[in-house]
């Protein structure tokens, strides 16, 4: 689904991930915080149940969203913003050729506490 305001380009795209054999909904992926002028977007992935994690579903989502973002939408740069405490997510994106660029200190507020966020990126040309 695309978030749009009339004829304007979408500001985000959100998709549900489906386990192919069973047809169960297992997660979601998105391209959001889109900057059309610079051709940059953030990519996100979430596998809802711990039971479904580690099965390769997140990798499939990241690969498809990356291919679609670079190919169909024409983005030049995709960014993944990941809590520094979420090592499995960081490992997933690094395995999908995203490179760690830095850490934003105290960037994310949750339950009254600030958390650091790692920024990883991948460029269309490598």
C-alpha atoms as a PDB file:
ATOM      1  CA  UNK A   1       0.000   0.000   0.000  1.00  0.00           C
ATOM      2  CA  UNK A   2       1.260   3.435  -0.827  1.00  0.00           C
ATOM      3  CA  UNK A   3       0.671   6.486   1.345  1.00  0.00           C
ATOM      4  CA  UNK A   4      -0.212   9.257  -1.071  1.00  0.00           C
ATOM      5  CA  UNK A   5      -1.818  12.674  -1.104  1.00  0.00           C
ATOM      6  CA  UNK A   6      -3.569  12.901  -4.459  1.00  0.00           C
ATOM      7  CA  UNK A   7      -1.246  12.923  -7.461  1.00  0.00           C
ATOM      8  CA  UNK A   8       1.876  13.302  -5.329  1.00  0.00           C
ATOM      9  CA  UNK A   9       4.430  10.476  -5.164  1.00  0.00           C
ATOM     10  CA  UNK A  10       4.030   8.119  -2.218  1.00  0.00           C
ATOM     11  CA  UNK A  11       5.778   8.931   1.041  1.00  0.00           C
ATOM     12  CA  UNK A  12       5.984   5.251   2.003  1.00  0.00           C
ATOM     13  CA  UNK A  13       5.271   1.744   0.773  1.00  0.00           C
ATOM     14  CA  UNK A  14       4.256  -1.005   3.208  1.00  0.00           C
ATOM     15  CA  UNK A  15       3.887  -4.708   2.456  1.00  0.00           C
ATOM     16  CA  UNK A  16       2.970  -7.811   4.409  1.00  0.00           C
ATOM     17  CA  UNK A  17       5.243 -10.858   4.300  1.00  0.00           C
ATOM     18  CA  UNK A  18       3.542 -14.193   3.690  1.00  0.00           C
ATOM     19  CA  UNK A  19       4.960 -17.621   4.438  1.00  0.00           C
ATOM     20  CA  UNK A  20       4.595 -19.144   0.971  1.00  0.00           C
ATOM     21  CA  UNK A  21       3.780 -22.759   1.846  1.00  0.00           C
ATOM     22  CA  UNK A  22       1.203 -21.982   4.552  1.00  0.00           C
ATOM     23  CA  UNK A  23      -0.129 -18.601   3.461  1.00  0.00           C
ATOM     24  CA  UNK A  24       0.317 -17.247   7.007  1.00  0.00           C
ATOM     25  CA  UNK A  25       1.088 -13.560   7.477  1.00  0.00           C
ATOM     26  CA  UNK A  26       4.469 -13.469   9.206  1.00  0.00           C
ATOM     27  CA  UNK A  27       5.740  -9.902   9.048  1.00  0.00           C
ATOM     28  CA  UNK A  28       5.956  -6.621   7.251  1.00  0.00           C
ATOM     29  CA  UNK A  29       8.461  -4.634   5.249  1.00  0.00           C
ATOM     30  CA  UNK A  30       8.517  -1.042   4.116  1.00  0.00           C
ATOM     31  CA  UNK A  31      10.231   1.732   2.264  1.00  0.00           C
ATOM     32  CA  UNK A  32       9.573   4.963   4.162  1.00  0.00           C
ATOM     33  CA  UNK A  33      10.987   8.434   4.918  1.00  0.00           C
ATOM     34  CA  UNK A  34      11.266   8.779   1.142  1.00  0.00           C
ATOM     35  CA  UNK A  35      13.235  11.696  -0.298  1.00  0.00           C
ATOM     36  CA  UNK A  36      12.332  11.652  -3.995  1.00  0.00           C
ATOM     37  CA  UNK A  37      14.619  14.562  -4.895  1.00  0.00           C
ATOM     38  CA  UNK A  38      17.693  12.745  -3.574  1.00  0.00           C
ATOM     39  CA  UNK A  39      16.296   9.266  -4.454  1.00  0.00           C
ATOM     40  CA  UNK A  40      16.778   7.994  -0.887  1.00  0.00           C
ATOM     41  CA  UNK A  41      14.517   5.930   1.375  1.00  0.00           C
ATOM     42  CA  UNK A  42      14.688   4.020   4.623  1.00  0.00           C
ATOM     43  CA  UNK A  43      13.988   0.296   4.540  1.00  0.00           C
ATOM     44  CA  UNK A  44      12.400  -1.604   7.383  1.00  0.00           C
ATOM     45  CA  UNK A  45      11.577  -5.232   8.128  1.00  0.00           C
ATOM     46  CA  UNK A  46       9.791  -6.927  11.003  1.00  0.00           C
ATOM     47  CA  UNK A  47       9.108 -10.627  11.502  1.00  0.00           C
ATOM     48  CA  UNK A  48       6.340 -10.616  14.107  1.00  0.00           C
ATOM     49  CA  UNK A  49       6.740 -13.926  15.917  1.00  0.00           C
ATOM     50  CA  UNK A  50      10.037 -15.165  17.369  1.00  0.00           C
ATOM     51  CA  UNK A  51       9.052 -18.624  16.043  1.00  0.00           C
ATOM     52  CA  UNK A  52       9.320 -17.325  12.454  1.00  0.00           C
ATOM     53  CA  UNK A  53      12.656 -15.542  12.937  1.00  0.00           C
ATOM     54  CA  UNK A  54      15.820 -17.200  11.690  1.00  0.00           C
ATOM     55  CA  UNK A  55      13.945 -18.921   8.851  1.00  0.00           C
ATOM     56  CA  UNK A  56      15.194 -16.609   6.067  1.00  0.00           C
ATOM     57  CA  UNK A  57      11.903 -14.694   5.798  1.00  0.00           C
ATOM     58  CA  UNK A  58      13.502 -11.374   6.740  1.00  0.00           C
ATOM     59  CA  UNK A  59      16.226 -11.864   4.138  1.00  0.00           C
ATOM     60  CA  UNK A  60      13.619 -12.541   1.443  1.00  0.00           C
ATOM     61  CA  UNK A  61      11.805  -9.342   2.436  1.00  0.00           C
ATOM     62  CA  UNK A  62      14.969  -7.230   2.419  1.00  0.00           C
ATOM     63  CA  UNK A  63      16.112  -8.639  -0.935  1.00  0.00           C
ATOM     64  CA  UNK A  64      12.741  -8.012  -2.589  1.00  0.00           C
ATOM     65  CA  UNK A  65      12.368  -4.510  -1.130  1.00  0.00           C
ATOM     66  CA  UNK A  66      15.930  -3.605  -2.113  1.00  0.00           C
ATOM     67  CA  UNK A  67      15.492  -4.896  -5.669  1.00  0.00           C
ATOM     68  CA  UNK A  68      12.128  -3.124  -6.003  1.00  0.00           C
ATOM     69  CA  UNK A  69      13.434   0.122  -4.492  1.00  0.00           C
ATOM     70  CA  UNK A  70      16.465   0.277  -6.770  1.00  0.00           C
ATOM     71  CA  UNK A  71      14.859  -1.237  -9.874  1.00  0.00           C
ATOM     72  CA  UNK A  72      11.213  -0.179 -10.018  1.00  0.00           C
ATOM     73  CA  UNK A  73      11.298   3.018  -7.943  1.00  0.00           C
ATOM     74  CA  UNK A  74      14.740   4.213  -9.032  1.00  0.00           C
ATOM     75  CA  UNK A  75      16.221   4.922  -5.601  1.00  0.00           C
ATOM     76  CA  UNK A  76      19.945   5.456  -5.433  1.00  0.00           C
ATOM     77  CA  UNK A  77      20.409   4.918  -1.692  1.00  0.00           C
ATOM     78  CA  UNK A  78      18.586   2.832   0.898  1.00  0.00           C
ATOM     79  CA  UNK A  79      19.154   3.248   4.622  1.00  0.00           C
ATOM     80  CA  UNK A  80      18.393   0.885   7.497  1.00  0.00           C
ATOM     81  CA  UNK A  81      18.104   2.526  10.913  1.00  0.00           C
ATOM     82  CA  UNK A  82      18.492  -0.177  13.573  1.00  0.00           C
ATOM     83  CA  UNK A  83      18.581   0.008  17.369  1.00  0.00           C
ATOM     84  CA  UNK A  84      22.108  -0.811  18.511  1.00  0.00           C
ATOM     85  CA  UNK A  85      20.597  -3.481  20.761  1.00  0.00           C
ATOM     86  CA  UNK A  86      19.143  -5.348  17.748  1.00  0.00           C
ATOM     87  CA  UNK A  87      22.166  -7.345  16.564  1.00  0.00           C
ATOM     88  CA  UNK A  88      20.103  -9.903  14.557  1.00  0.00           C
ATOM     89  CA  UNK A  89      18.642  -7.111  12.408  1.00  0.00           C
ATOM     90  CA  UNK A  90      22.049  -5.518  11.879  1.00  0.00           C
ATOM     91  CA  UNK A  91      23.491  -8.894  10.859  1.00  0.00           C
ATOM     92  CA  UNK A  92      20.615  -9.419   8.401  1.00  0.00           C
ATOM     93  CA  UNK A  93      21.234  -6.097   6.661  1.00  0.00           C
ATOM     94  CA  UNK A  94      25.003  -6.607   6.581  1.00  0.00           C
ATOM     95  CA  UNK A  95      24.435  -9.991   4.899  1.00  0.00           C
ATOM     96  CA  UNK A  96      22.330  -8.110   2.326  1.00  0.00           C
ATOM     97  CA  UNK A  97      25.339  -5.845   1.511  1.00  0.00           C
ATOM     98  CA  UNK A  98      24.383  -2.881   3.702  1.00  0.00           C
ATOM     99  CA  UNK A  99      27.369  -1.061   5.235  1.00  0.00           C
ATOM    100  CA  UNK A 100      27.479   0.472   8.720  1.00  0.00           C
ATOM    101  CA  UNK A 101      28.038   4.222   8.420  1.00  0.00           C
ATOM    102  CA  UNK A 102      27.707   5.359  11.996  1.00  0.00           C
ATOM    103  CA  UNK A 103      25.652   5.520  15.158  1.00  0.00           C
ATOM    104  CA  UNK A 104      23.131   8.199  16.058  1.00  0.00           C
ATOM    105  CA  UNK A 105      23.358   8.685  19.807  1.00  0.00           C
ATOM    106  CA  UNK A 106      20.082   8.816  21.755  1.00  0.00           C
ATOM    107  CA  UNK A 107      18.096   9.020  18.477  1.00  0.00           C
ATOM    108  CA  UNK A 108      15.091   6.829  19.454  1.00  0.00           C
ATOM    109  CA  UNK A 109      12.831   7.468  22.460  1.00  0.00           C
ATOM    110  CA  UNK A 110      10.851   4.547  23.925  1.00  0.00           C
ATOM    111  CA  UNK A 111       9.185   4.377  27.329  1.00  0.00           C
ATOM    112  CA  UNK A 112      10.993   7.486  28.488  1.00  0.00           C
ATOM    113  CA  UNK A 113      14.463   6.200  27.575  1.00  0.00           C
ATOM    114  CA  UNK A 114      16.642   7.200  24.627  1.00  0.00           C
ATOM    115  CA  UNK A 115      18.391   4.517  22.565  1.00  0.00           C
ATOM    116  CA  UNK A 116      21.241   4.698  20.070  1.00  0.00           C
ATOM    117  CA  UNK A 117      20.545   3.829  16.425  1.00  0.00           C
ATOM    118  CA  UNK A 118      22.975   2.319  13.908  1.00  0.00           C
ATOM    119  CA  UNK A 119      22.685   3.610  10.342  1.00  0.00           C
ATOM    120  CA  UNK A 120      23.515   1.178   7.554  1.00  0.00           C
ATOM    121  CA  UNK A 121      23.200   1.920   3.841  1.00  0.00           C
ATOM    122  CA  UNK A 122      23.405   0.376   0.431  1.00  0.00           C
ATOM    123  CA  UNK A 123      23.851   2.185  -2.876  1.00  0.00           C
ATOM    124  CA  UNK A 124      22.299   1.145  -6.161  1.00  0.00           C
ATOM    125  CA  UNK A 125      25.692   0.967  -7.851  1.00  0.00           C
ATOM    126  CA  UNK A 126      27.371  -1.045  -5.158  1.00  0.00           C
END
